[in-house]
């Protein structure tokens, strides 16, 4: 993810590619503000089907974003 962020920032700076940078940024935002807190809750409380289901849903968002980036490149 870090390499993708650097590539997105470089493309934004050199080629003014806002779309790629936006998709990468949304992926980072969803990871750190949605998925990571769910991971932390699972770490604290242990196995929880409710939180695992939420994590699966958030991972589908990330899959969609990465696939969008792949298709548009």
PDB file of N, CA and C in Angstrom:
ATOM      1  N   UNK A   1       0.814  -1.192   0.000  1.00  0.00           N
ATOM      2  CA  UNK A   1       0.000   0.000   0.000  1.00  0.00           C
ATOM      3  C   UNK A   1       0.859   1.258   0.000  1.00  0.00           C
ATOM      4  N   UNK A   2       1.957   1.207   0.712  1.00  0.00           N
ATOM      5  CA  UNK A   2       2.828   2.382   0.766  1.00  0.00           C
ATOM      6  C   UNK A   2       3.404   2.688  -0.616  1.00  0.00           C
ATOM      7  N   UNK A   3       3.820   1.658  -1.340  1.00  0.00           N
ATOM      8  CA  UNK A   3       4.347   1.855  -2.693  1.00  0.00           C
ATOM      9  C   UNK A   3       3.268   2.440  -3.606  1.00  0.00           C
ATOM     10  N   UNK A   4       2.036   1.969  -3.451  1.00  0.00           N
ATOM     11  CA  UNK A   4       0.940   2.485  -4.273  1.00  0.00           C
ATOM     12  C   UNK A   4       0.664   3.954  -3.948  1.00  0.00           C
ATOM     13  N   UNK A   5       0.749   4.309  -2.681  1.00  0.00           N
ATOM     14  CA  UNK A   5       0.554   5.708  -2.287  1.00  0.00           C
ATOM     15  C   UNK A   5       1.644   6.590  -2.889  1.00  0.00           C
ATOM     16  N   UNK A   6       2.881   6.136  -2.822  1.00  0.00           N
ATOM     17  CA  UNK A   6       3.982   6.903  -3.410  1.00  0.00           C
ATOM     18  C   UNK A   6       3.824   7.025  -4.929  1.00  0.00           C
ATOM     19  N   UNK A   7       3.412   5.938  -5.578  1.00  0.00           N
ATOM     20  CA  UNK A   7       3.188   5.987  -7.029  1.00  0.00           C
ATOM     21  C   UNK A   7       2.047   6.943  -7.359  1.00  0.00           C
ATOM     22  N   UNK A   8       0.977   6.888  -6.575  1.00  0.00           N
ATOM     23  CA  UNK A   8      -0.147   7.794  -6.803  1.00  0.00           C
ATOM     24  C   UNK A   8       0.251   9.247  -6.618  1.00  0.00           C
ATOM     25  N   UNK A   9       1.028   9.522  -5.582  1.00  0.00           N
ATOM     26  CA  UNK A   9       1.483  10.897  -5.335  1.00  0.00           C
ATOM     27  C   UNK A   9       2.416  11.366  -6.446  1.00  0.00           C
ATOM     28  N   UNK A  10       3.276  10.479  -6.910  1.00  0.00           N
ATOM     29  CA  UNK A  10       4.183  10.821  -8.006  1.00  0.00           C
ATOM     30  C   UNK A  10       3.406  11.111  -9.277  1.00  0.00           C
ATOM     31  N   UNK A  11       2.417  10.261  -9.586  1.00  0.00           N
ATOM     32  CA  UNK A  11       1.591  10.489 -10.776  1.00  0.00           C
ATOM     33  C   UNK A  11       0.794  11.782 -10.654  1.00  0.00           C
ATOM     34  N   UNK A  12       0.333  12.082  -9.475  1.00  0.00           N
ATOM     35  CA  UNK A  12      -0.397  13.321  -9.261  1.00  0.00           C
ATOM     36  C   UNK A  12       0.519  14.517  -9.520  1.00  0.00           C
ATOM     37  N   UNK A  13       1.725  14.455  -8.995  1.00  0.00           N
ATOM     38  CA  UNK A  13       2.672  15.556  -9.149  1.00  0.00           C
ATOM     39  C   UNK A  13       3.133  15.712 -10.602  1.00  0.00           C
ATOM     40  N   UNK A  14       3.496  14.585 -11.228  1.00  0.00           N
ATOM     41  CA  UNK A  14       4.061  14.645 -12.583  1.00  0.00           C
ATOM     42  C   UNK A  14       3.013  14.792 -13.681  1.00  0.00           C
ATOM     43  N   UNK A  15       1.909  14.047 -13.562  1.00  0.00           N
ATOM     44  CA  UNK A  15       0.937  13.988 -14.655  1.00  0.00           C
ATOM     45  C   UNK A  15      -0.429  14.559 -14.290  1.00  0.00           C
ATOM     46  N   UNK A  16      -0.559  15.087 -13.082  1.00  0.00           N
ATOM     47  CA  UNK A  16      -1.824  15.636 -12.613  1.00  0.00           C
ATOM     48  C   UNK A  16      -2.958  14.585 -12.656  1.00  0.00           C
ATOM     49  N   UNK A  17      -2.630  13.342 -12.296  1.00  0.00           N
ATOM     50  CA  UNK A  17      -3.604  12.250 -12.293  1.00  0.00           C
ATOM     51  C   UNK A  17      -4.349  12.224 -10.963  1.00  0.00           C
ATOM     52  N   UNK A  18      -5.453  12.937 -10.911  1.00  0.00           N
ATOM     53  CA  UNK A  18      -6.233  13.033  -9.687  1.00  0.00           C
ATOM     54  C   UNK A  18      -6.992  11.756  -9.383  1.00  0.00           C
ATOM     55  N   UNK A  19      -7.505  11.087 -10.414  1.00  0.00           N
ATOM     56  CA  UNK A  19      -8.351   9.918 -10.191  1.00  0.00           C
ATOM     57  C   UNK A  19      -7.595   8.806  -9.476  1.00  0.00           C
ATOM     58  N   UNK A  20      -6.415   8.473  -9.943  1.00  0.00           N
ATOM     59  CA  UNK A  20      -5.619   7.417  -9.307  1.00  0.00           C
ATOM     60  C   UNK A  20      -5.299   7.777  -7.861  1.00  0.00           C
ATOM     61  N   UNK A  21      -4.915   9.023  -7.649  1.00  0.00           N
ATOM     62  CA  UNK A  21      -4.597   9.455  -6.288  1.00  0.00           C
ATOM     63  C   UNK A  21      -5.830   9.403  -5.392  1.00  0.00           C
ATOM     64  N   UNK A  22      -6.972   9.754  -5.942  1.00  0.00           N
ATOM     65  CA  UNK A  22      -8.219   9.694  -5.180  1.00  0.00           C
ATOM     66  C   UNK A  22      -8.543   8.264  -4.767  1.00  0.00           C
ATOM     67  N   UNK A  23      -8.426   7.315  -5.691  1.00  0.00           N
ATOM     68  CA  UNK A  23      -8.722   5.918  -5.380  1.00  0.00           C
ATOM     69  C   UNK A  23      -7.762   5.386  -4.317  1.00  0.00           C
ATOM     70  N   UNK A  24      -6.483   5.674  -4.468  1.00  0.00           N
ATOM     71  CA  UNK A  24      -5.498   5.230  -3.469  1.00  0.00           C
ATOM     72  C   UNK A  24      -5.794   5.867  -2.116  1.00  0.00           C
ATOM     73  N   UNK A  25      -6.138   7.141  -2.118  1.00  0.00           N
ATOM     74  CA  UNK A  25      -6.460   7.833  -0.865  1.00  0.00           C
ATOM     75  C   UNK A  25      -7.689   7.222  -0.197  1.00  0.00           C
ATOM     76  N   UNK A  26      -8.710   6.921  -0.981  1.00  0.00           N
ATOM     77  CA  UNK A  26      -9.907   6.289  -0.421  1.00  0.00           C
ATOM     78  C   UNK A  26      -9.598   4.917   0.157  1.00  0.00           C
ATOM     79  N   UNK A  27      -8.690   4.199  -0.476  1.00  0.00           N
ATOM     80  CA  UNK A  27      -8.287   2.893   0.046  1.00  0.00           C
ATOM     81  C   UNK A  27      -7.596   3.050   1.396  1.00  0.00           C
ATOM     82  N   UNK A  28      -6.702   4.011   1.496  1.00  0.00           N
ATOM     83  CA  UNK A  28      -6.023   4.269   2.772  1.00  0.00           C
ATOM     84  C   UNK A  28      -7.021   4.701   3.851  1.00  0.00           C
ATOM     85  N   UNK A  29      -7.927   5.576   3.484  1.00  0.00           N
ATOM     86  CA  UNK A  29      -8.924   6.058   4.448  1.00  0.00           C
ATOM     87  C   UNK A  29      -9.780   4.906   4.944  1.00  0.00           C
ATOM     88  N   UNK A  30     -10.252   4.073   4.021  1.00  0.00           N
ATOM     89  CA  UNK A  30     -11.092   2.945   4.441  1.00  0.00           C
ATOM     90  C   UNK A  30     -10.304   1.957   5.290  1.00  0.00           C
ATOM     91  N   UNK A  31      -9.030   1.798   4.979  1.00  0.00           N
ATOM     92  CA  UNK A  31      -8.205   0.874   5.765  1.00  0.00           C
ATOM     93  C   UNK A  31      -8.014   1.376   7.191  1.00  0.00           C
ATOM     94  N   UNK A  32      -7.597   2.621   7.324  1.00  0.00           N
ATOM     95  CA  UNK A  32      -7.226   3.120   8.643  1.00  0.00           C
ATOM     96  C   UNK A  32      -8.393   3.594   9.505  1.00  0.00           C
ATOM     97  N   UNK A  33      -9.484   4.002   8.877  1.00  0.00           N
ATOM     98  CA  UNK A  33     -10.603   4.505   9.670  1.00  0.00           C
ATOM     99  C   UNK A  33     -11.776   3.535   9.764  1.00  0.00           C
ATOM    100  N   UNK A  34     -11.771   2.469   8.952  1.00  0.00           N
ATOM    101  CA  UNK A  34     -12.854   1.496   9.016  1.00  0.00           C
ATOM    102  C   UNK A  34     -12.320   0.112   9.383  1.00  0.00           C
ATOM    103  N   UNK A  35     -11.409  -0.419   8.556  1.00  0.00           N
ATOM    104  CA  UNK A  35     -10.940  -1.792   8.763  1.00  0.00           C
ATOM    105  C   UNK A  35     -10.044  -1.943   9.994  1.00  0.00           C
ATOM    106  N   UNK A  36      -9.093  -1.051  10.166  1.00  0.00           N
ATOM    107  CA  UNK A  36      -8.160  -1.167  11.292  1.00  0.00           C
ATOM    108  C   UNK A  36      -8.865  -1.126  12.651  1.00  0.00           C
ATOM    109  N   UNK A  37      -9.842  -0.233  12.872  1.00  0.00           N
ATOM    110  CA  UNK A  37     -10.540  -0.270  14.158  1.00  0.00           C
ATOM    111  C   UNK A  37     -11.289  -1.588  14.404  1.00  0.00           C
ATOM    112  N   UNK A  38     -11.810  -2.178  13.339  1.00  0.00           N
ATOM    113  CA  UNK A  38     -12.486  -3.476  13.503  1.00  0.00           C
ATOM    114  C   UNK A  38     -11.465  -4.542  13.881  1.00  0.00           C
ATOM    115  N   UNK A  39     -10.305  -4.512  13.246  1.00  0.00           N
ATOM    116  CA  UNK A  39      -9.231  -5.440  13.612  1.00  0.00           C
ATOM    117  C   UNK A  39      -8.851  -5.261  15.085  1.00  0.00           C
ATOM    118  N   UNK A  40      -8.758  -4.024  15.524  1.00  0.00           N
ATOM    119  CA  UNK A  40      -8.400  -3.759  16.922  1.00  0.00           C
ATOM    120  C   UNK A  40      -9.461  -4.301  17.880  1.00  0.00           C
ATOM    121  N   UNK A  41     -10.736  -4.142  17.530  1.00  0.00           N
ATOM    122  CA  UNK A  41     -11.803  -4.684  18.373  1.00  0.00           C
ATOM    123  C   UNK A  41     -11.713  -6.194  18.440  1.00  0.00           C
ATOM    124  N   UNK A  42     -11.452  -6.836  17.317  1.00  0.00           N
ATOM    125  CA  UNK A  42     -11.309  -8.294  17.310  1.00  0.00           C
ATOM    126  C   UNK A  42     -10.116  -8.726  18.157  1.00  0.00           C
ATOM    127  N   UNK A  43      -9.059  -7.950  18.107  1.00  0.00           N
ATOM    128  CA  UNK A  43      -7.874  -8.259  18.912  1.00  0.00           C
ATOM    129  C   UNK A  43      -8.191  -8.200  20.408  1.00  0.00           C
ATOM    130  N   UNK A  44      -9.020  -7.249  20.790  1.00  0.00           N
ATOM    131  CA  UNK A  44      -9.368  -7.072  22.202  1.00  0.00           C
ATOM    132  C   UNK A  44     -10.387  -8.099  22.675  1.00  0.00           C
ATOM    133  N   UNK A  45     -11.472  -8.272  21.914  1.00  0.00           N
ATOM    134  CA  UNK A  45     -12.561  -9.124  22.389  1.00  0.00           C
ATOM    135  C   UNK A  45     -12.472 -10.565  21.917  1.00  0.00           C
ATOM    136  N   UNK A  46     -11.601 -10.826  20.961  1.00  0.00           N
ATOM    137  CA  UNK A  46     -11.495 -12.176  20.419  1.00  0.00           C
ATOM    138  C   UNK A  46     -12.495 -12.377  19.293  1.00  0.00           C
ATOM    139  N   UNK A  47     -12.744 -13.630  18.976  1.00  0.00           N
ATOM    140  CA  UNK A  47     -13.609 -13.950  17.840  1.00  0.00           C
ATOM    141  C   UNK A  47     -15.022 -13.433  18.071  1.00  0.00           C
ATOM    142  N   UNK A  48     -15.526 -12.729  17.064  1.00  0.00           N
ATOM    143  CA  UNK A  48     -16.889 -12.208  17.088  1.00  0.00           C
ATOM    144  C   UNK A  48     -17.427 -12.258  15.666  1.00  0.00           C
ATOM    145  N   UNK A  49     -18.444 -13.063  15.454  1.00  0.00           N
ATOM    146  CA  UNK A  49     -19.012 -13.182  14.107  1.00  0.00           C
ATOM    147  C   UNK A  49     -19.512 -11.832  13.593  1.00  0.00           C
ATOM    148  N   UNK A  50     -20.041 -11.024  14.476  1.00  0.00           N
ATOM    149  CA  UNK A  50     -20.543  -9.703  14.081  1.00  0.00           C
ATOM    150  C   UNK A  50     -19.416  -8.834  13.519  1.00  0.00           C
ATOM    151  N   UNK A  51     -18.291  -8.777  14.212  1.00  0.00           N
ATOM    152  CA  UNK A  51     -17.182  -7.948  13.749  1.00  0.00           C
ATOM    153  C   UNK A  51     -16.485  -8.561  12.541  1.00  0.00           C
ATOM    154  N   UNK A  52     -16.436  -9.877  12.478  1.00  0.00           N
ATOM    155  CA  UNK A  52     -15.857 -10.535  11.308  1.00  0.00           C
ATOM    156  C   UNK A  52     -16.692 -10.222  10.075  1.00  0.00           C
ATOM    157  N   UNK A  53     -18.019 -10.256  10.207  1.00  0.00           N
ATOM    158  CA  UNK A  53     -18.893  -9.910   9.079  1.00  0.00           C
ATOM    159  C   UNK A  53     -18.676  -8.465   8.636  1.00  0.00           C
ATOM    160  N   UNK A  54     -18.519  -7.550   9.600  1.00  0.00           N
ATOM    161  CA  UNK A  54     -18.248  -6.149   9.260  1.00  0.00           C
ATOM    162  C   UNK A  54     -16.913  -6.019   8.523  1.00  0.00           C
ATOM    163  N   UNK A  55     -15.930  -6.771   8.974  1.00  0.00           N
ATOM    164  CA  UNK A  55     -14.619  -6.712   8.343  1.00  0.00           C
ATOM    165  C   UNK A  55     -14.680  -7.227   6.908  1.00  0.00           C
ATOM    166  N   UNK A  56     -15.429  -8.275   6.682  1.00  0.00           N
ATOM    167  CA  UNK A  56     -15.589  -8.802   5.324  1.00  0.00           C
ATOM    168  C   UNK A  56     -16.221  -7.752   4.421  1.00  0.00           C
ATOM    169  N   UNK A  57     -17.236  -7.062   4.910  1.00  0.00           N
ATOM    170  CA  UNK A  57     -17.892  -6.019   4.115  1.00  0.00           C
ATOM    171  C   UNK A  57     -16.907  -4.893   3.792  1.00  0.00           C
ATOM    172  N   UNK A  58     -16.129  -4.475   4.779  1.00  0.00           N
ATOM    173  CA  UNK A  58     -15.166  -3.398   4.513  1.00  0.00           C
ATOM    174  C   UNK A  58     -14.076  -3.858   3.559  1.00  0.00           C
ATOM    175  N   UNK A  59     -13.731  -5.132   3.602  1.00  0.00           N
ATOM    176  CA  UNK A  59     -12.730  -5.635   2.662  1.00  0.00           C
ATOM    177  C   UNK A  59     -13.260  -5.621   1.229  1.00  0.00           C
ATOM    178  N   UNK A  60     -14.561  -5.850   1.058  1.00  0.00           N
ATOM    179  CA  UNK A  60     -15.144  -5.760  -0.286  1.00  0.00           C
ATOM    180  C   UNK A  60     -15.038  -4.345  -0.834  1.00  0.00           C
ATOM    181  N   UNK A  61     -15.171  -3.353   0.019  1.00  0.00           N
ATOM    182  CA  UNK A  61     -14.979  -1.965  -0.403  1.00  0.00           C
ATOM    183  C   UNK A  61     -13.558  -1.773  -0.918  1.00  0.00           C
ATOM    184  N   UNK A  62     -12.595  -2.295  -0.182  1.00  0.00           N
ATOM    185  CA  UNK A  62     -11.194  -2.161  -0.586  1.00  0.00           C
ATOM    186  C   UNK A  62     -10.915  -2.922  -1.875  1.00  0.00           C
ATOM    187  N   UNK A  63     -11.503  -4.106  -2.021  1.00  0.00           N
ATOM    188  CA  UNK A  63     -11.347  -4.870  -3.266  1.00  0.00           C
ATOM    189  C   UNK A  63     -11.905  -4.073  -4.440  1.00  0.00           C
ATOM    190  N   UNK A  64     -13.064  -3.466  -4.254  1.00  0.00           N
ATOM    191  CA  UNK A  64     -13.668  -2.645  -5.305  1.00  0.00           C
ATOM    192  C   UNK A  64     -12.745  -1.488  -5.692  1.00  0.00           C
ATOM    193  N   UNK A  65     -12.190  -0.812  -4.696  1.00  0.00           N
ATOM    194  CA  UNK A  65     -11.310   0.323  -4.977  1.00  0.00           C
ATOM    195  C   UNK A  65     -10.047  -0.111  -5.712  1.00  0.00           C
ATOM    196  N   UNK A  66      -9.388  -1.184  -5.256  1.00  0.00           N
ATOM    197  CA  UNK A  66      -8.173  -1.656  -5.914  1.00  0.00           C
ATOM    198  C   UNK A  66      -8.475  -2.143  -7.331  1.00  0.00           C
ATOM    199  N   UNK A  67      -9.629  -2.805  -7.512  1.00  0.00           N
ATOM    200  CA  UNK A  67     -10.012  -3.270  -8.847  1.00  0.00           C
ATOM    201  C   UNK A  67     -10.277  -2.095  -9.767  1.00  0.00           C
ATOM    202  N   UNK A  68     -10.925  -1.065  -9.257  1.00  0.00           N
ATOM    203  CA  UNK A  68     -11.170   0.143 -10.047  1.00  0.00           C
ATOM    204  C   UNK A  68      -9.846   0.759 -10.494  1.00  0.00           C
ATOM    205  N   UNK A  69      -8.897   0.821  -9.587  1.00  0.00           N
ATOM    206  CA  UNK A  69      -7.588   1.370  -9.930  1.00  0.00           C
ATOM    207  C   UNK A  69      -6.913   0.515 -10.999  1.00  0.00           C
ATOM    208  N   UNK A  70      -6.979  -0.786 -10.856  1.00  0.00           N
ATOM    209  CA  UNK A  70      -6.366  -1.685 -11.829  1.00  0.00           C
ATOM    210  C   UNK A  70      -6.999  -1.525 -13.214  1.00  0.00           C
ATOM    211  N   UNK A  71      -8.298  -1.477 -13.259  1.00  0.00           N
ATOM    212  CA  UNK A  71      -9.002  -1.392 -14.545  1.00  0.00           C
ATOM    213  C   UNK A  71      -8.749  -0.053 -15.240  1.00  0.00           C
ATOM    214  N   UNK A  72      -8.635   1.007 -14.472  1.00  0.00           N
ATOM    215  CA  UNK A  72      -8.476   2.340 -15.070  1.00  0.00           C
ATOM    216  C   UNK A  72      -7.027   2.669 -15.414  1.00  0.00           C
ATOM    217  N   UNK A  73      -6.103   1.847 -15.023  1.00  0.00           N
ATOM    218  CA  UNK A  73      -4.687   2.107 -15.339  1.00  0.00           C
ATOM    219  C   UNK A  73      -4.397   1.556 -16.662  1.00  0.00           C
TER     220      UNK A  73
END
